[in-house]
């Protein structure tokens, strides 16, 4: 560069480097997408572009350890809801859902699996088969943030045997191991499971241990939406620990919570179990979002036996009067092991977030029951609703309490996540407000207002800690030679604005976001350019 050492210089800010150490004053010089210098003072004449960060904090870009951004990155490449809250890297493919590998024989099953999350007016193409082929398709067009892919056990299982609940044979487990191994060779950072959902719920612990052997060979992560987050929470955490011990692999418990009032308080024991496992040499941690409602498919309300064989079979069973009698009895007697959302949240605590019939969006099941004037048969209304929507809807479920959430949030073993996918303000539906507000909510409400933890510790949970869990090298810290993924925010104003009824609102206080050395949010304004990369494990 002629008389210039840096493409961009950030000056006069308070640097929080991501390590958890106290902030310090300094300037940062960026060149060729990386941090070229951090010093007390860098002459602004040495840079082509200067950001004056006076009174602002400079941190590594937030690494969202648990997302489903791979599902809609093709349709929403600018990832507006993510980047406007400071996210520069999203770990995708969680909860047993990834967009590959695909077996054409079971493609329709996979599409049914994803249907509540897919954008109906967008042509995905579905011409890929492997994880690498999918991400090569993603890379053909610019996209806003970095993606770190996981491969999903549920997707692999569908590719081998569809939605069958039958135990895997030796031949089938070998096919699953091959697909997992292929995905790991292609750069997947690990495998996720969704053991609360079909077909993941049909897997035995032995099946997961067998697959974990492949993770061990590559030194990769096992991230698990565990089998049960309510009555059997402790047993489900113990299962994850067992899988980790058997294979000596890193375990990440996804969005740790205890669902339902009768289970509140169990999270402290679950975290003690993790602490004990770490004293015995098992690397294990968890993640959490700072809200009391979860978000998932409407079909997750149903017991897994009803979902065996896929959505079409489920809808057929819902039309059967005898099956409805059996199903209602299941709810009333609370006798299905995966958890009873009606008991945990109530009809009043489950809200339609997105639906093919938009008139239901934002309303609770209880409100829909009243609108239909059928208060004497609430279960019949629920079953009719799922039939009407063909199972194609997402819901927000209020199932946790503030004390549990704060306990997890402040625990040293937790990372902060959105558990969401990217969207934008003119998109349909009422997505969970975490989609827009997670990281600013922690920094505004829980750090600045409630003073639950130090600012530097909160930033560690959003940056270097998730990077270390994933083994993402040269990101997550502000260090010379690291990629320049940087978020600059105002500590006095940063706060979420998204609500459950009005979620499509950007947060306050995010001044700049830099992805791979390029400015993606400039003075609070979104720059619709794609500077993201697909990261691949090596």
Protein backbone atom coordinates (compact mmCIF):
# COMPACT_ATOMS: atom_id res chain seq x y z
CA UNK A 1 0.00 0.00 0.00
CA UNK A 2 1.31 3.45 -0.93
CA UNK A 3 2.02 5.34 2.31
CA UNK A 4 -0.71 3.34 4.02
CA UNK A 5 -0.18 0.37 6.31
CA UNK A 6 -3.83 -0.44 7.02
CA UNK A 7 -7.10 -0.66 5.14
CA UNK A 8 -8.97 0.21 8.33
CA UNK A 9 -8.00 1.62 11.71
CA UNK A 10 -10.25 1.56 14.78
CA UNK A 11 -9.20 4.29 17.19
CA UNK A 12 -9.88 5.50 20.72
CA UNK A 13 -12.00 2.59 21.89
CA UNK A 14 -12.10 0.36 24.96
CA UNK A 15 -10.83 -3.04 23.86
CA UNK A 16 -12.40 -6.16 25.37
CA UNK A 17 -10.25 -8.84 23.78
CA UNK A 18 -12.56 -11.81 24.47
CA UNK A 19 -10.33 -13.55 27.00
CA UNK A 20 -12.27 -12.30 30.03
CA UNK A 21 -9.48 -9.90 30.96
CA UNK A 22 -10.35 -6.29 31.86
CA UNK A 23 -10.72 -3.83 29.00
CA UNK A 24 -7.86 -1.62 27.92
CA UNK A 25 -7.52 1.44 25.69
CA UNK A 26 -5.99 1.04 22.27
CA UNK A 27 -6.16 1.20 18.50
CA UNK A 28 -6.52 -1.65 16.02
CA UNK A 29 -5.11 -1.75 12.48
CA UNK A 30 -6.66 -4.11 9.92
CA UNK A 31 -5.06 -5.32 6.69
CA UNK A 32 -5.97 -8.13 4.27
CA UNK A 33 -8.94 -9.12 6.40
CA UNK A 34 -6.89 -9.68 9.54
CA UNK A 35 -5.82 -7.77 12.62
CA UNK A 36 -2.41 -6.47 11.67
CA UNK A 37 -1.69 -4.44 14.81
CA UNK A 38 -3.06 -3.61 18.26
CA UNK A 39 -1.27 -0.78 20.00
CA UNK A 40 -1.72 2.14 22.37
CA UNK A 41 -1.66 4.46 19.38
CA UNK A 42 -1.75 4.05 15.62
CA UNK A 43 -1.41 7.15 13.45
CA UNK A 44 -4.64 7.65 11.54
CA UNK A 45 -2.64 8.73 8.51
CA UNK A 46 -1.65 5.09 8.12
CA UNK A 47 -5.22 3.97 7.32
CA UNK A 48 -7.54 4.36 4.34
CA UNK A 49 -10.62 4.32 6.58
CA UNK A 50 -10.83 5.38 10.21
CA UNK A 51 -13.48 4.38 12.74
CA UNK A 52 -13.52 6.65 15.76
CA UNK A 53 -14.65 4.37 18.59
CA UNK A 54 -14.53 7.03 21.30
CA UNK A 55 -16.71 5.97 24.27
CA UNK A 56 -17.42 2.64 22.55
CA UNK A 57 -16.32 -0.90 23.36
CA UNK A 58 -14.50 -3.02 20.78
CA UNK A 59 -14.94 -6.77 21.08
CA UNK A 60 -14.48 -9.82 18.89
CA UNK A 61 -17.49 -10.49 16.71
CA UNK A 62 -20.01 -12.65 18.51
CA UNK A 63 -19.86 -16.37 17.75
CA UNK A 64 -23.33 -17.89 17.93
CA UNK A 65 -22.65 -21.48 18.97
CA UNK A 66 -26.16 -22.77 18.30
CA UNK A 67 -28.08 -21.75 15.17
CA UNK A 68 -30.08 -23.17 12.28
CA UNK A 69 -28.84 -20.58 9.81
CA UNK A 70 -27.89 -23.26 7.29
CA UNK A 71 -31.60 -23.89 6.68
CA UNK A 72 -32.29 -20.44 5.20
CA UNK A 73 -28.90 -18.97 4.30
CA UNK A 74 -29.70 -19.48 0.61
CA UNK A 75 -32.93 -17.50 0.94
CA UNK A 76 -31.64 -14.84 3.34
CA UNK A 77 -27.92 -14.47 2.64
CA UNK A 78 -27.58 -11.09 4.35
CA UNK A 79 -28.53 -12.62 7.72
CA UNK A 80 -29.94 -9.28 8.85
CA UNK A 81 -31.23 -10.39 12.24
CA UNK A 82 -27.87 -11.94 13.11
CA UNK A 83 -25.38 -9.38 11.92
CA UNK A 84 -27.36 -6.42 13.30
CA UNK A 85 -26.95 -7.86 16.80
CA UNK A 86 -23.20 -8.30 16.36
CA UNK A 87 -22.95 -11.93 15.23
CA UNK A 88 -20.10 -12.56 12.80
CA UNK A 89 -19.97 -16.39 12.95
CA UNK A 90 -22.86 -18.85 13.25
CA UNK A 91 -22.44 -22.53 14.09
CA UNK A 92 -25.09 -24.21 11.92
CA UNK A 93 -26.65 -27.66 11.73
CA UNK A 94 -27.76 -28.02 15.35
CA UNK A 95 -30.50 -30.11 17.02
CA UNK A 96 -30.10 -33.02 14.61
CA UNK A 97 -31.03 -30.86 11.59
CA UNK A 98 -28.55 -30.18 8.78
CA UNK A 99 -29.21 -29.70 5.07
CA UNK A 100 -27.01 -32.66 4.09
CA UNK A 101 -26.22 -35.46 3.50
CA UNK A 102 -29.18 -36.33 1.30
CA UNK A 103 -30.29 -39.70 -0.05
CA UNK A 104 -32.69 -39.05 -2.99
CA UNK A 105 -34.77 -42.03 -1.83
CA UNK A 106 -35.68 -40.14 1.35
CA UNK A 107 -35.56 -36.54 0.08
CA UNK A 108 -39.29 -36.01 0.64
CA UNK A 109 -38.87 -37.19 4.25
CA UNK A 110 -36.10 -34.65 4.77
CA UNK A 111 -38.18 -31.88 3.22
CA UNK A 112 -41.06 -32.75 5.55
CA UNK A 113 -38.60 -32.68 8.44
CA UNK A 114 -37.59 -29.12 7.55
CA UNK A 115 -40.95 -27.85 6.29
CA UNK A 116 -41.78 -25.55 9.26
CA UNK A 117 -38.50 -23.68 8.71
CA UNK A 118 -38.26 -23.56 4.92
CA UNK A 119 -39.41 -20.47 3.04
CA UNK A 120 -42.25 -21.70 0.86
CA UNK A 121 -41.73 -19.11 -1.87
CA UNK A 122 -38.03 -19.89 -2.33
CA UNK A 123 -36.65 -22.55 -4.67
CA UNK A 124 -33.93 -24.41 -2.77
CA UNK A 125 -33.14 -26.67 -5.73
CA UNK A 126 -32.25 -29.69 -3.59
CA UNK A 127 -29.59 -30.81 -6.08
CA UNK A 128 -26.84 -31.51 -3.57
CA UNK A 129 -26.11 -34.76 -1.76
CA UNK A 130 -23.10 -34.17 0.50
CA UNK A 131 -22.38 -31.47 3.08
CA UNK A 132 -19.56 -30.15 0.89
CA UNK A 133 -21.87 -29.87 -2.12
CA UNK A 134 -24.40 -27.94 -0.06
CA UNK A 135 -21.88 -25.43 1.23
CA UNK A 136 -20.37 -25.06 -2.23
CA UNK A 137 -23.86 -23.99 -3.33
CA UNK A 138 -23.96 -21.51 -0.43
CA UNK A 139 -20.58 -20.11 -1.51
CA UNK A 140 -21.75 -19.37 -5.04
CA UNK A 141 -23.39 -16.16 -3.81
CA UNK A 142 -22.18 -13.60 -1.24
CA UNK A 143 -23.46 -14.05 2.32
CA UNK A 144 -23.02 -11.88 5.36
CA UNK A 145 -21.55 -13.96 8.20
CA UNK A 146 -19.21 -16.88 8.65
CA UNK A 147 -20.75 -20.34 8.91
CA UNK A 148 -19.22 -23.21 10.88
CA UNK A 149 -21.12 -26.38 9.94
CA UNK A 150 -22.11 -29.32 12.06
CA UNK A 151 -23.53 -32.43 10.44
CA UNK A 152 -26.73 -33.72 11.98
CA UNK A 153 -27.48 -37.19 13.25
CA UNK A 154 -31.17 -36.81 12.32
CA UNK A 155 -30.32 -35.97 8.72
CA UNK A 156 -27.86 -38.86 8.51
CA UNK A 157 -30.43 -41.26 9.94
CA UNK A 158 -33.05 -40.10 7.42
CA UNK A 159 -30.54 -40.66 4.60
CA UNK A 160 -30.10 -44.26 5.74
CA UNK A 161 -33.60 -45.32 6.83
CA UNK A 162 -36.07 -42.46 6.59
CA UNK A 163 -38.36 -41.97 9.57
CA UNK A 164 -38.38 -45.61 10.59
CA UNK A 165 -38.35 -46.18 14.34
CA UNK A 166 -36.74 -49.61 13.94
CA UNK A 167 -33.30 -50.07 15.54
CA UNK A 168 -30.40 -49.73 13.13
CA UNK A 169 -28.81 -52.90 11.79
CA UNK A 170 -25.06 -53.42 11.62
CA UNK A 171 -25.19 -52.58 7.93
CA UNK A 172 -27.15 -49.38 8.61
CA UNK A 173 -24.85 -48.20 11.38
CA UNK A 174 -21.92 -48.69 9.01
CA UNK A 175 -23.71 -46.57 6.39
CA UNK A 176 -24.33 -43.88 9.00
CA UNK A 177 -20.70 -43.96 10.08
CA UNK A 178 -19.64 -43.59 6.45
CA UNK A 179 -21.84 -40.51 5.95
CA UNK A 180 -20.60 -39.01 9.22
CA UNK A 181 -16.98 -39.72 8.33
CA UNK A 182 -17.46 -38.19 4.87
CA UNK A 183 -18.95 -35.02 6.39
CA UNK A 184 -16.13 -34.73 8.92
CA UNK A 185 -13.59 -35.11 6.11
CA UNK A 186 -15.40 -32.30 4.30
CA UNK A 187 -14.94 -29.99 7.27
CA UNK A 188 -17.88 -30.48 9.64
CA UNK A 189 -16.87 -29.37 13.13
CA UNK A 190 -18.82 -32.19 14.72
CA UNK A 191 -22.19 -33.90 14.92
CA UNK A 192 -25.41 -32.62 16.46
CA UNK A 193 -28.28 -34.68 17.77
CA UNK A 194 -31.95 -33.87 18.29
CA UNK A 195 -32.93 -36.71 20.59
CA UNK A 196 -36.28 -35.13 21.48
CA UNK A 197 -37.40 -35.26 17.83
CA UNK A 198 -38.02 -38.05 15.33
CA UNK A 199 -35.95 -39.68 13.97
CA UNK A 200 -33.25 -38.85 16.54
CA UNK A 201 -35.50 -40.05 19.36
CA UNK A 202 -35.46 -43.55 17.87
CA UNK A 203 -31.69 -43.86 18.34
CA UNK A 204 -30.37 -45.90 21.23
CA UNK A 205 -27.45 -44.77 23.34
CA UNK A 206 -25.44 -47.58 21.72
CA UNK A 207 -26.11 -46.13 18.26
CA UNK A 208 -24.82 -42.74 19.38
CA UNK A 209 -21.76 -44.27 21.04
CA UNK A 210 -20.96 -46.10 17.80
CA UNK A 211 -21.15 -42.85 15.82
CA UNK A 212 -19.14 -41.07 18.50
CA UNK A 213 -16.22 -43.32 17.60
CA UNK A 214 -15.95 -41.41 14.31
CA UNK A 215 -15.93 -38.11 16.19
CA UNK A 216 -13.12 -39.42 18.37
CA UNK A 217 -11.02 -40.28 15.31
CA UNK A 218 -11.33 -36.69 14.05
CA UNK A 219 -11.26 -34.95 17.45
CA UNK A 220 -14.63 -33.32 16.78
CA UNK A 221 -17.58 -32.14 18.87
CA UNK A 222 -20.79 -33.89 19.94
CA UNK A 223 -23.52 -31.24 20.41
CA UNK A 224 -26.77 -32.60 21.76
CA UNK A 225 -30.33 -31.44 22.09
CA UNK A 226 -30.76 -34.06 24.77
CA UNK A 227 -33.55 -36.61 24.97
CA UNK A 228 -35.60 -34.89 27.64
CA UNK A 229 -35.49 -31.41 29.20
CA UNK A 230 -38.24 -31.91 31.78
CA UNK A 231 -38.98 -34.92 33.98
CA UNK A 232 -35.96 -36.92 32.78
CA UNK A 233 -33.51 -34.02 32.44
CA UNK A 234 -30.92 -35.56 34.74
CA UNK A 235 -30.99 -38.95 33.01
CA UNK A 236 -30.67 -37.21 29.64
CA UNK A 237 -27.61 -35.23 30.75
CA UNK A 238 -26.18 -38.47 32.12
CA UNK A 239 -26.67 -40.11 28.71
CA UNK A 240 -24.66 -37.33 27.05
CA UNK A 241 -21.92 -37.74 29.65
CA UNK A 242 -21.87 -41.49 29.01
CA UNK A 243 -21.43 -40.94 25.26
CA UNK A 244 -18.59 -38.52 25.96
CA UNK A 245 -16.83 -40.86 28.37
CA UNK A 246 -17.11 -43.86 26.06
CA UNK A 247 -15.46 -41.99 23.20
CA UNK A 248 -13.42 -39.35 25.06
CA UNK A 249 -15.00 -36.60 22.96
CA UNK A 250 -16.10 -33.02 23.69
CA UNK A 251 -19.76 -32.73 24.71
CA UNK A 252 -21.95 -29.65 24.33
CA UNK A 253 -25.41 -29.71 25.93
CA UNK A 254 -27.61 -27.54 23.73
CA UNK A 255 -29.81 -24.81 25.25
CA UNK A 256 -29.80 -26.25 28.78
CA UNK A 257 -33.11 -25.76 30.58
CA UNK A 258 -35.64 -27.44 32.87
CA UNK A 259 -39.12 -27.44 31.32
CA UNK A 260 -42.15 -27.14 33.56
CA UNK A 261 -42.62 -25.84 37.09
CA UNK A 262 -42.24 -29.29 38.67
CA UNK A 263 -38.73 -29.51 37.19
CA UNK A 264 -37.45 -26.02 37.92
CA UNK A 265 -34.26 -26.13 39.95
CA UNK A 266 -32.91 -29.29 38.31
CA UNK A 267 -30.48 -27.28 36.21
CA UNK A 268 -28.23 -26.68 39.21
CA UNK A 269 -27.82 -30.44 39.65
CA UNK A 270 -27.26 -30.90 35.91
CA UNK A 271 -24.45 -28.34 36.02
CA UNK A 272 -22.94 -30.02 39.07
CA UNK A 273 -22.89 -33.25 37.06
CA UNK A 274 -20.98 -31.44 34.32
CA UNK A 275 -18.55 -29.95 36.83
CA UNK A 276 -17.89 -33.42 38.25
CA UNK A 277 -17.41 -34.90 34.79
CA UNK A 278 -14.81 -32.24 34.04
CA UNK A 279 -12.87 -33.14 37.20
CA UNK A 280 -12.75 -36.64 35.72
CA UNK A 281 -11.32 -35.39 32.42
CA UNK A 282 -14.44 -35.03 30.24
CA UNK A 283 -14.66 -31.76 28.33
CA UNK A 284 -18.31 -30.78 28.63
CA UNK A 285 -20.24 -27.52 28.58
CA UNK A 286 -23.63 -26.08 27.69
CA UNK A 287 -25.27 -23.08 26.09
CA UNK A 288 -28.28 -20.93 26.95
CA UNK A 289 -30.49 -18.19 25.51
CA UNK A 290 -31.71 -15.36 27.79
CA UNK A 291 -35.46 -15.94 27.41
CA UNK A 292 -38.12 -18.01 29.15
CA UNK A 293 -39.77 -19.40 26.01
CA UNK A 294 -38.37 -22.00 23.70
CA UNK A 295 -39.17 -22.17 20.00
CA UNK A 296 -39.69 -25.25 17.88
CA UNK A 297 -42.15 -27.05 15.60
CA UNK A 298 -45.81 -27.46 16.48
CA UNK A 299 -45.43 -31.21 16.00
CA UNK A 300 -42.97 -31.28 18.92
CA UNK A 301 -46.02 -31.01 21.19
CA UNK A 302 -47.02 -34.52 20.12
CA UNK A 303 -45.61 -37.77 21.52
CA UNK A 304 -43.00 -39.42 19.33
CA UNK A 305 -45.04 -42.55 18.63
CA UNK A 306 -47.54 -40.43 16.71
CA UNK A 307 -44.74 -39.06 14.48
CA UNK A 308 -43.26 -42.43 13.53
CA UNK A 309 -42.93 -42.66 9.75
CA UNK A 310 -42.99 -38.91 9.13
CA UNK A 311 -45.46 -36.05 8.82
CA UNK A 312 -47.84 -37.73 6.36
CA UNK A 313 -48.28 -40.76 8.63
CA UNK A 314 -48.74 -38.46 11.62
CA UNK A 315 -51.53 -36.55 9.87
CA UNK A 316 -53.25 -39.81 8.97
CA UNK A 317 -53.18 -40.89 12.62
CA UNK A 318 -54.58 -37.52 13.75
CA UNK A 319 -57.65 -38.14 11.58
CA UNK A 320 -58.33 -41.44 13.33
CA UNK A 321 -60.85 -41.16 16.20
CA UNK A 322 -59.31 -44.04 18.15
CA UNK A 323 -55.82 -42.57 17.83
CA UNK A 324 -57.16 -39.26 19.13
CA UNK A 325 -58.61 -40.99 22.17
CA UNK A 326 -55.24 -42.64 22.82
CA UNK A 327 -53.43 -39.35 22.24
CA UNK A 328 -55.65 -37.37 24.60
CA UNK A 329 -55.15 -40.04 27.26
CA UNK A 330 -51.38 -39.64 26.83
CA UNK A 331 -51.64 -35.94 27.60
CA UNK A 332 -54.11 -36.32 30.44
CA UNK A 333 -52.15 -39.08 32.18
CA UNK A 334 -48.74 -37.58 31.32
CA UNK A 335 -47.42 -40.94 30.23
CA UNK A 336 -45.02 -40.26 27.38
CA UNK A 337 -41.31 -40.07 28.23
CA UNK A 338 -40.19 -37.23 25.97
CA UNK A 339 -42.09 -34.60 27.97
CA UNK A 340 -45.58 -33.16 28.06
CA UNK A 341 -45.66 -29.58 26.78
CA UNK A 342 -49.32 -29.15 27.70
CA UNK A 343 -48.43 -29.94 31.31
CA UNK A 344 -45.25 -27.85 31.23
CA UNK A 345 -46.55 -24.75 29.42
CA UNK A 346 -50.33 -25.08 29.31
CA UNK A 347 -52.46 -24.21 26.30
CA UNK A 348 -52.05 -20.57 27.37
CA UNK A 349 -48.24 -20.80 27.24
CA UNK A 350 -47.89 -22.10 23.67
CA UNK A 351 -48.06 -19.44 20.93
CA UNK A 352 -48.10 -19.86 17.15
CA UNK A 353 -44.99 -18.11 15.82
CA UNK A 354 -45.21 -18.89 12.12
CA UNK A 355 -47.88 -20.69 10.17
CA UNK A 356 -49.19 -21.26 6.66
CA UNK A 357 -52.40 -19.71 8.01
CA UNK A 358 -51.15 -16.34 9.23
CA UNK A 359 -54.32 -15.48 11.16
CA UNK A 360 -53.06 -17.71 13.99
CA UNK A 361 -49.65 -16.05 14.36
CA UNK A 362 -49.10 -14.45 17.73
CA UNK A 363 -52.03 -16.23 19.37
CA UNK A 364 -51.80 -18.86 22.08
CA UNK A 365 -53.49 -22.24 21.68
CA UNK A 366 -55.78 -21.14 24.51
CA UNK A 367 -56.79 -18.00 22.59
CA UNK A 368 -57.42 -20.05 19.46
CA UNK A 369 -59.63 -22.41 21.48
CA UNK A 370 -61.68 -19.42 22.71
CA UNK A 371 -61.94 -17.97 19.20
CA UNK A 372 -63.35 -21.25 17.97
CA UNK A 373 -65.77 -21.34 20.94
CA UNK A 374 -64.74 -24.86 21.85
CA UNK A 375 -63.47 -24.40 25.40
CA UNK A 376 -64.92 -27.77 26.41
CA UNK A 377 -62.70 -29.71 23.98
CA UNK A 378 -59.24 -28.09 23.97
CA UNK A 379 -57.37 -31.20 22.80
CA UNK A 380 -59.67 -31.64 19.82
CA UNK A 381 -58.97 -28.03 18.83
CA UNK A 382 -55.22 -28.66 19.09
CA UNK A 383 -55.43 -31.81 16.97
CA UNK A 384 -57.65 -30.07 14.38
CA UNK A 385 -55.24 -27.14 14.28
CA UNK A 386 -52.24 -29.37 13.56
CA UNK A 387 -54.25 -31.10 10.84
CA UNK A 388 -55.32 -27.77 9.32
CA UNK A 389 -51.74 -26.56 9.26
CA UNK A 390 -50.46 -29.97 8.10
CA UNK A 391 -47.90 -29.80 10.89
CA UNK A 392 -46.26 -26.87 9.16
CA UNK A 393 -45.94 -24.28 11.92
CA UNK A 394 -43.54 -23.15 14.62
CA UNK A 395 -44.45 -22.29 18.19
CA UNK A 396 -43.00 -20.37 21.12
CA UNK A 397 -43.44 -22.30 24.38
CA UNK A 398 -43.10 -20.67 27.81
CA UNK A 399 -41.62 -23.47 29.86
CA UNK A 400 -38.73 -22.17 32.04
CA UNK A 401 -38.25 -19.65 34.86
CA UNK A 402 -36.02 -16.64 35.37
CA UNK A 403 -34.01 -18.09 38.28
CA UNK A 404 -32.95 -21.17 36.34
CA UNK A 405 -32.10 -19.16 33.25
CA UNK A 406 -29.97 -16.67 35.19
CA UNK A 407 -28.19 -19.50 37.01
CA UNK A 408 -27.18 -21.09 33.72
CA UNK A 409 -26.37 -17.72 32.13
CA UNK A 410 -23.83 -16.85 34.81
CA UNK A 411 -22.28 -20.31 35.14
CA UNK A 412 -18.69 -20.57 33.80
CA UNK A 413 -19.56 -23.58 31.61
CA UNK A 414 -22.29 -21.81 29.60
CA UNK A 415 -22.00 -20.06 26.26
CA UNK A 416 -24.65 -17.62 25.02
CA UNK A 417 -26.63 -18.56 21.91
CA UNK A 418 -29.69 -17.56 19.91
CA UNK A 419 -30.90 -21.03 18.85
CA UNK A 420 -32.38 -19.29 15.83
CA UNK A 421 -32.03 -18.77 12.12
CA UNK A 422 -31.45 -15.59 10.18
CA UNK A 423 -34.39 -13.49 9.12
CA UNK A 424 -35.18 -9.88 8.19
CA UNK A 425 -37.75 -7.25 9.15
CA UNK A 426 -40.05 -7.74 6.15
CA UNK A 427 -40.17 -11.53 6.58
CA UNK A 428 -43.38 -13.30 7.53
CA UNK A 429 -44.25 -14.72 10.92
CA UNK A 430 -43.44 -13.81 14.50
CA UNK A 431 -40.12 -15.53 15.18
CA UNK A 432 -38.80 -15.81 18.70
CA UNK A 433 -37.32 -12.43 19.76
CA UNK A 434 -33.98 -14.15 20.43
CA UNK A 435 -33.56 -14.13 16.64
CA UNK A 436 -32.91 -10.37 16.82
CA UNK A 437 -32.05 -9.65 20.42
CA UNK A 438 -30.05 -12.32 22.24
CA UNK A 439 -26.62 -10.75 22.55
CA UNK A 440 -27.74 -7.13 23.13
CA UNK A 441 -30.25 -8.43 25.71
CA UNK A 442 -27.48 -10.06 27.72
CA UNK A 443 -25.23 -7.00 27.53
CA UNK A 444 -28.03 -4.52 28.22
CA UNK A 445 -30.41 -6.21 30.62
CA UNK A 446 -28.24 -8.73 32.45
CA UNK A 447 -24.86 -6.97 32.45
CA UNK A 448 -25.63 -3.24 32.55
CA UNK A 449 -28.99 -3.22 34.36
CA UNK A 450 -28.97 -6.32 36.57
CA UNK A 451 -25.17 -6.54 36.95
CA UNK A 452 -25.30 -10.34 36.96
CA UNK A 453 -21.78 -10.60 35.55
CA UNK A 454 -18.84 -8.53 34.39
CA UNK A 455 -19.01 -7.19 30.87
CA UNK A 456 -15.74 -8.93 30.04
CA UNK A 457 -17.11 -12.28 31.22
CA UNK A 458 -20.25 -11.89 29.10
CA UNK A 459 -18.10 -11.13 26.06
CA UNK A 460 -15.98 -14.23 26.78
CA UNK A 461 -19.16 -16.33 26.66
CA UNK A 462 -19.97 -14.84 23.26
CA UNK A 463 -16.53 -15.02 21.64
CA UNK A 464 -13.44 -16.93 22.81
CA UNK A 465 -15.34 -19.59 24.73
CA UNK A 466 -17.49 -20.77 21.79
CA UNK A 467 -14.42 -20.55 19.54
CA UNK A 468 -12.49 -22.83 21.90
CA UNK A 469 -15.37 -25.31 22.16
CA UNK A 470 -15.55 -25.57 18.37
CA UNK A 471 -11.78 -25.40 17.87
CA UNK A 472 -12.30 -22.43 15.56
CA UNK A 473 -8.78 -21.13 15.20
CA UNK A 474 -7.83 -17.46 14.74
CA UNK A 475 -11.25 -16.09 15.64
CA UNK A 476 -12.95 -15.22 18.93
CA UNK A 477 -10.14 -13.06 20.30
CA UNK A 478 -8.70 -9.69 19.35
CA UNK A 479 -5.15 -10.78 18.60
CA UNK A 480 -2.62 -9.79 15.97
CA UNK A 481 -2.87 -12.28 13.09
CA UNK A 482 -6.49 -13.22 13.85
CA UNK A 483 -9.28 -12.58 11.35
CA UNK A 484 -10.84 -9.18 11.87
CA UNK A 485 -14.31 -10.19 13.02
CA UNK A 486 -15.19 -7.30 15.32
CA UNK A 487 -18.28 -5.85 16.99
CA UNK A 488 -18.24 -2.27 18.30
CA UNK A 489 -21.05 -1.25 20.64
CA UNK A 490 -22.20 1.47 23.01
CA UNK A 491 -22.28 0.01 26.54
CA UNK A 492 -24.75 2.67 27.70
CA UNK A 493 -27.42 2.03 25.07
CA UNK A 494 -27.06 -1.56 23.89
CA UNK A 495 -30.37 -3.40 24.41
CA UNK A 496 -32.77 -5.69 22.60
CA UNK A 497 -36.04 -4.31 21.23
CA UNK A 498 -37.64 -7.45 19.79
CA UNK A 499 -40.73 -8.78 21.58
CA UNK A 500 -42.84 -11.90 21.10
CA UNK A 501 -45.65 -9.92 19.48
CA UNK A 502 -43.35 -7.56 17.56
CA UNK A 503 -40.11 -9.47 17.02
CA UNK A 504 -38.86 -7.90 13.79
CA UNK A 505 -36.93 -5.09 15.49
CA UNK A 506 -33.20 -4.51 15.43
CA UNK A 507 -31.49 -3.89 18.78
CA UNK A 508 -30.03 -0.64 19.98
CA UNK A 509 -26.38 0.15 20.53
CA UNK A 510 -24.57 -1.86 17.84
CA UNK A 511 -22.46 0.76 16.08
CA UNK A 512 -20.20 -1.27 13.78
CA UNK A 513 -19.80 -4.90 12.77
CA UNK A 514 -16.75 -6.01 10.82
CA UNK A 515 -16.57 -9.40 9.08
CA UNK A 516 -13.25 -10.62 7.74
CA UNK A 517 -11.95 -7.05 7.79
CA UNK A 518 -14.90 -5.51 5.92
CA UNK A 519 -17.47 -3.18 7.47
CA UNK A 520 -20.89 -4.88 7.44
CA UNK A 521 -22.70 -2.54 9.85
CA UNK A 522 -21.62 1.09 9.59
CA UNK A 523 -22.78 3.57 12.27
CA UNK A 524 -25.71 1.29 12.99
CA UNK A 525 -26.69 0.88 9.34
CA UNK A 526 -26.69 -2.47 7.56
CA UNK A 527 -24.41 -2.78 4.55
CA UNK A 528 -25.95 -5.41 2.28
CA UNK A 529 -22.73 -6.96 1.08
CA UNK A 530 -21.55 -10.49 1.67
CA UNK A 531 -18.23 -10.82 3.46
CA UNK A 532 -18.80 -14.16 5.18
CA UNK A 533 -16.93 -17.42 4.64
CA UNK A 534 -17.72 -21.09 5.16
CA UNK A 535 -15.29 -22.26 7.82
CA UNK A 536 -14.12 -25.86 7.63
CA UNK A 537 -12.58 -27.89 10.41
CA UNK A 538 -9.08 -29.17 9.71
